[in-house]
């Protein structure tokens, strides 16, 4: 696997994570706000 392949796969994984995050936000109710805050912080650490 060359470097370009690695970069492409990494970008795809990031896109998939963002899509999952968007879906989680969409599915939240007001009672899940605390969970969202924790999930959001974890997601930011993962992406940066």
PDB file of N, CA and C in Angstrom:
ATOM      1  N   UNK A   1       0.855  -1.196   0.000  1.00  0.00           N
ATOM      2  CA  UNK A   1       0.000   0.000   0.000  1.00  0.00           C
ATOM      3  C   UNK A   1       0.890   1.244   0.000  1.00  0.00           C
ATOM      4  N   UNK A   2       0.707   2.114  -0.978  1.00  0.00           N
ATOM      5  CA  UNK A   2       1.530   3.315  -0.994  1.00  0.00           C
ATOM      6  C   UNK A   2       0.871   4.458  -0.203  1.00  0.00           C
ATOM      7  N   UNK A   3       1.573   5.552  -0.109  1.00  0.00           N
ATOM      8  CA  UNK A   3       1.116   6.646   0.758  1.00  0.00           C
ATOM      9  C   UNK A   3      -0.222   7.221   0.300  1.00  0.00           C
ATOM     10  N   UNK A   4      -0.419   7.324  -1.009  1.00  0.00           N
ATOM     11  CA  UNK A   4      -1.677   7.870  -1.531  1.00  0.00           C
ATOM     12  C   UNK A   4      -2.858   7.001  -1.122  1.00  0.00           C
ATOM     13  N   UNK A   5      -2.696   5.691  -1.201  1.00  0.00           N
ATOM     14  CA  UNK A   5      -3.757   4.776  -0.768  1.00  0.00           C
ATOM     15  C   UNK A   5      -4.107   5.024   0.698  1.00  0.00           C
ATOM     16  N   UNK A   6      -3.075   5.190   1.523  1.00  0.00           N
ATOM     17  CA  UNK A   6      -3.299   5.422   2.949  1.00  0.00           C
ATOM     18  C   UNK A   6      -4.077   6.718   3.158  1.00  0.00           C
ATOM     19  N   UNK A   7      -3.673   7.779   2.465  1.00  0.00           N
ATOM     20  CA  UNK A   7      -4.352   9.070   2.595  1.00  0.00           C
ATOM     21  C   UNK A   7      -5.816   8.946   2.175  1.00  0.00           C
ATOM     22  N   UNK A   8      -6.073   8.253   1.085  1.00  0.00           N
ATOM     23  CA  UNK A   8      -7.444   8.082   0.605  1.00  0.00           C
ATOM     24  C   UNK A   8      -8.292   7.334   1.624  1.00  0.00           C
ATOM     25  N   UNK A   9      -7.771   6.239   2.138  1.00  0.00           N
ATOM     26  CA  UNK A   9      -8.527   5.452   3.125  1.00  0.00           C
ATOM     27  C   UNK A   9      -8.790   6.270   4.381  1.00  0.00           C
ATOM     28  N   UNK A  10      -7.805   7.047   4.792  1.00  0.00           N
ATOM     29  CA  UNK A  10      -7.950   7.886   5.981  1.00  0.00           C
ATOM     30  C   UNK A  10      -9.062   8.912   5.760  1.00  0.00           C
ATOM     31  N   UNK A  11      -9.094   9.523   4.580  1.00  0.00           N
ATOM     32  CA  UNK A  11     -10.128  10.511   4.268  1.00  0.00           C
ATOM     33  C   UNK A  11     -11.512   9.868   4.262  1.00  0.00           C
ATOM     34  N   UNK A  12     -11.610   8.657   3.720  1.00  0.00           N
ATOM     35  CA  UNK A  12     -12.892   7.954   3.700  1.00  0.00           C
ATOM     36  C   UNK A  12     -13.363   7.675   5.115  1.00  0.00           C
ATOM     37  N   UNK A  13     -12.452   7.223   5.971  1.00  0.00           N
ATOM     38  CA  UNK A  13     -12.840   6.951   7.361  1.00  0.00           C
ATOM     39  C   UNK A  13     -13.316   8.216   8.056  1.00  0.00           C
ATOM     40  N   UNK A  14     -12.645   9.335   7.808  1.00  0.00           N
ATOM     41  CA  UNK A  14     -13.080  10.603   8.409  1.00  0.00           C
ATOM     42  C   UNK A  14     -14.477  10.970   7.934  1.00  0.00           C
ATOM     43  N   UNK A  15     -14.723  10.811   6.635  1.00  0.00           N
ATOM     44  CA  UNK A  15     -16.043  11.125   6.081  1.00  0.00           C
ATOM     45  C   UNK A  15     -17.111  10.249   6.706  1.00  0.00           C
ATOM     46  N   UNK A  16     -16.814   8.962   6.869  1.00  0.00           N
ATOM     47  CA  UNK A  16     -17.787   8.048   7.484  1.00  0.00           C
ATOM     48  C   UNK A  16     -18.069   8.443   8.924  1.00  0.00           C
ATOM     49  N   UNK A  17     -17.030   8.838   9.667  1.00  0.00           N
ATOM     50  CA  UNK A  17     -17.227   9.274  11.051  1.00  0.00           C
ATOM     51  C   UNK A  17     -18.104  10.519  11.104  1.00  0.00           C
ATOM     52  N   UNK A  18     -17.873  11.452  10.189  1.00  0.00           N
ATOM     53  CA  UNK A  18     -18.683  12.666  10.173  1.00  0.00           C
ATOM     54  C   UNK A  18     -20.134  12.341   9.858  1.00  0.00           C
ATOM     55  N   UNK A  19     -20.358  11.415   8.931  1.00  0.00           N
ATOM     56  CA  UNK A  19     -21.715  11.021   8.568  1.00  0.00           C
ATOM     57  C   UNK A  19     -22.415  10.411   9.782  1.00  0.00           C
ATOM     58  N   UNK A  20     -21.707   9.557  10.511  1.00  0.00           N
ATOM     59  CA  UNK A  20     -22.281   8.960  11.720  1.00  0.00           C
ATOM     60  C   UNK A  20     -22.609  10.044  12.743  1.00  0.00           C
ATOM     61  N   UNK A  21     -21.717  11.022  12.897  1.00  0.00           N
ATOM     62  CA  UNK A  21     -21.957  12.119  13.844  1.00  0.00           C
ATOM     63  C   UNK A  21     -23.203  12.905  13.447  1.00  0.00           C
ATOM     64  N   UNK A  22     -23.337  13.207  12.163  1.00  0.00           N
ATOM     65  CA  UNK A  22     -24.516  13.937  11.691  1.00  0.00           C
ATOM     66  C   UNK A  22     -25.789  13.168  12.005  1.00  0.00           C
ATOM     67  N   UNK A  23     -25.766  11.856  11.789  1.00  0.00           N
ATOM     68  CA  UNK A  23     -26.939  11.032  12.063  1.00  0.00           C
ATOM     69  C   UNK A  23     -27.246  11.036  13.549  1.00  0.00           C
ATOM     70  N   UNK A  24     -26.215  10.957  14.381  1.00  0.00           N
ATOM     71  CA  UNK A  24     -26.421  10.963  15.837  1.00  0.00           C
ATOM     72  C   UNK A  24     -27.071  12.273  16.267  1.00  0.00           C
ATOM     73  N   UNK A  25     -26.604  13.393  15.700  1.00  0.00           N
ATOM     74  CA  UNK A  25     -27.191  14.691  16.029  1.00  0.00           C
ATOM     75  C   UNK A  25     -28.662  14.720  15.617  1.00  0.00           C
ATOM     76  N   UNK A  26     -28.955  14.208  14.427  1.00  0.00           N
ATOM     77  CA  UNK A  26     -30.323  14.186  13.927  1.00  0.00           C
ATOM     78  C   UNK A  26     -31.241  13.386  14.839  1.00  0.00           C
ATOM     79  N   UNK A  27     -30.716  12.290  15.384  1.00  0.00           N
ATOM     80  CA  UNK A  27     -31.532  11.385  16.190  1.00  0.00           C
ATOM     81  C   UNK A  27     -31.714  11.839  17.641  1.00  0.00           C
ATOM     82  N   UNK A  28     -30.977  12.874  18.049  1.00  0.00           N
ATOM     83  CA  UNK A  28     -31.018  13.262  19.459  1.00  0.00           C
ATOM     84  C   UNK A  28     -32.356  13.863  19.860  1.00  0.00           C
ATOM     85  N   UNK A  29     -32.745  13.579  21.087  1.00  0.00           N
ATOM     86  CA  UNK A  29     -33.832  14.322  21.712  1.00  0.00           C
ATOM     87  C   UNK A  29     -33.232  15.239  22.764  1.00  0.00           C
ATOM     88  N   UNK A  30     -34.032  16.141  23.322  1.00  0.00           N
ATOM     89  CA  UNK A  30     -33.522  17.090  24.312  1.00  0.00           C
ATOM     90  C   UNK A  30     -32.916  16.358  25.511  1.00  0.00           C
ATOM     91  N   UNK A  31     -33.480  15.213  25.878  1.00  0.00           N
ATOM     92  CA  UNK A  31     -32.981  14.446  27.009  1.00  0.00           C
ATOM     93  C   UNK A  31     -31.606  13.851  26.781  1.00  0.00           C
ATOM     94  N   UNK A  32     -31.151  13.820  25.522  1.00  0.00           N
ATOM     95  CA  UNK A  32     -29.853  13.241  25.189  1.00  0.00           C
ATOM     96  C   UNK A  32     -28.764  14.298  25.068  1.00  0.00           C
ATOM     97  N   UNK A  33     -29.055  15.521  25.468  1.00  0.00           N
ATOM     98  CA  UNK A  33     -28.111  16.612  25.246  1.00  0.00           C
ATOM     99  C   UNK A  33     -26.755  16.344  25.903  1.00  0.00           C
ATOM    100  N   UNK A  34     -26.772  15.816  27.121  1.00  0.00           N
ATOM    101  CA  UNK A  34     -25.501  15.542  27.803  1.00  0.00           C
ATOM    102  C   UNK A  34     -24.681  14.508  27.043  1.00  0.00           C
ATOM    103  N   UNK A  35     -25.353  13.456  26.574  1.00  0.00           N
ATOM    104  CA  UNK A  35     -24.667  12.446  25.770  1.00  0.00           C
ATOM    105  C   UNK A  35     -24.070  13.072  24.516  1.00  0.00           C
ATOM    106  N   UNK A  36     -24.817  13.951  23.883  1.00  0.00           N
ATOM    107  CA  UNK A  36     -24.313  14.598  22.680  1.00  0.00           C
ATOM    108  C   UNK A  36     -23.063  15.408  22.984  1.00  0.00           C
ATOM    109  N   UNK A  37     -23.079  16.137  24.094  1.00  0.00           N
ATOM    110  CA  UNK A  37     -21.908  16.949  24.428  1.00  0.00           C
ATOM    111  C   UNK A  37     -20.680  16.064  24.610  1.00  0.00           C
ATOM    112  N   UNK A  38     -20.852  14.927  25.288  1.00  0.00           N
ATOM    113  CA  UNK A  38     -19.722  14.011  25.471  1.00  0.00           C
ATOM    114  C   UNK A  38     -19.284  13.424  24.134  1.00  0.00           C
ATOM    115  N   UNK A  39     -20.247  13.017  23.325  1.00  0.00           N
ATOM    116  CA  UNK A  39     -19.940  12.417  22.021  1.00  0.00           C
ATOM    117  C   UNK A  39     -19.243  13.440  21.131  1.00  0.00           C
ATOM    118  N   UNK A  40     -19.741  14.670  21.142  1.00  0.00           N
ATOM    119  CA  UNK A  40     -19.161  15.718  20.312  1.00  0.00           C
ATOM    120  C   UNK A  40     -17.706  15.989  20.665  1.00  0.00           C
ATOM    121  N   UNK A  41     -17.417  16.043  21.953  1.00  0.00           N
ATOM    122  CA  UNK A  41     -16.039  16.282  22.384  1.00  0.00           C
ATOM    123  C   UNK A  41     -15.140  15.131  21.948  1.00  0.00           C
ATOM    124  N   UNK A  42     -15.616  13.895  22.121  1.00  0.00           N
ATOM    125  CA  UNK A  42     -14.830  12.734  21.709  1.00  0.00           C
ATOM    126  C   UNK A  42     -14.601  12.766  20.201  1.00  0.00           C
ATOM    127  N   UNK A  43     -15.632  13.141  19.441  1.00  0.00           N
ATOM    128  CA  UNK A  43     -15.512  13.206  17.992  1.00  0.00           C
ATOM    129  C   UNK A  43     -14.485  14.232  17.553  1.00  0.00           C
ATOM    130  N   UNK A  44     -14.476  15.387  18.226  1.00  0.00           N
ATOM    131  CA  UNK A  44     -13.499  16.415  17.864  1.00  0.00           C
ATOM    132  C   UNK A  44     -12.076  15.919  18.123  1.00  0.00           C
ATOM    133  N   UNK A  45     -11.871  15.247  19.250  1.00  0.00           N
ATOM    134  CA  UNK A  45     -10.530  14.712  19.538  1.00  0.00           C
ATOM    135  C   UNK A  45     -10.126  13.693  18.470  1.00  0.00           C
ATOM    136  N   UNK A  46     -11.083  12.905  18.004  1.00  0.00           N
ATOM    137  CA  UNK A  46     -10.775  11.893  16.999  1.00  0.00           C
ATOM    138  C   UNK A  46     -10.371  12.537  15.674  1.00  0.00           C
ATOM    139  N   UNK A  47     -11.049  13.623  15.305  1.00  0.00           N
ATOM    140  CA  UNK A  47     -10.817  14.217  13.987  1.00  0.00           C
ATOM    141  C   UNK A  47      -9.569  15.090  13.934  1.00  0.00           C
ATOM    142  N   UNK A  48      -9.118  15.616  15.047  1.00  0.00           N
ATOM    143  CA  UNK A  48      -7.967  16.527  15.018  1.00  0.00           C
ATOM    144  C   UNK A  48      -6.668  15.818  15.346  1.00  0.00           C
TER     145      UNK A  48
END
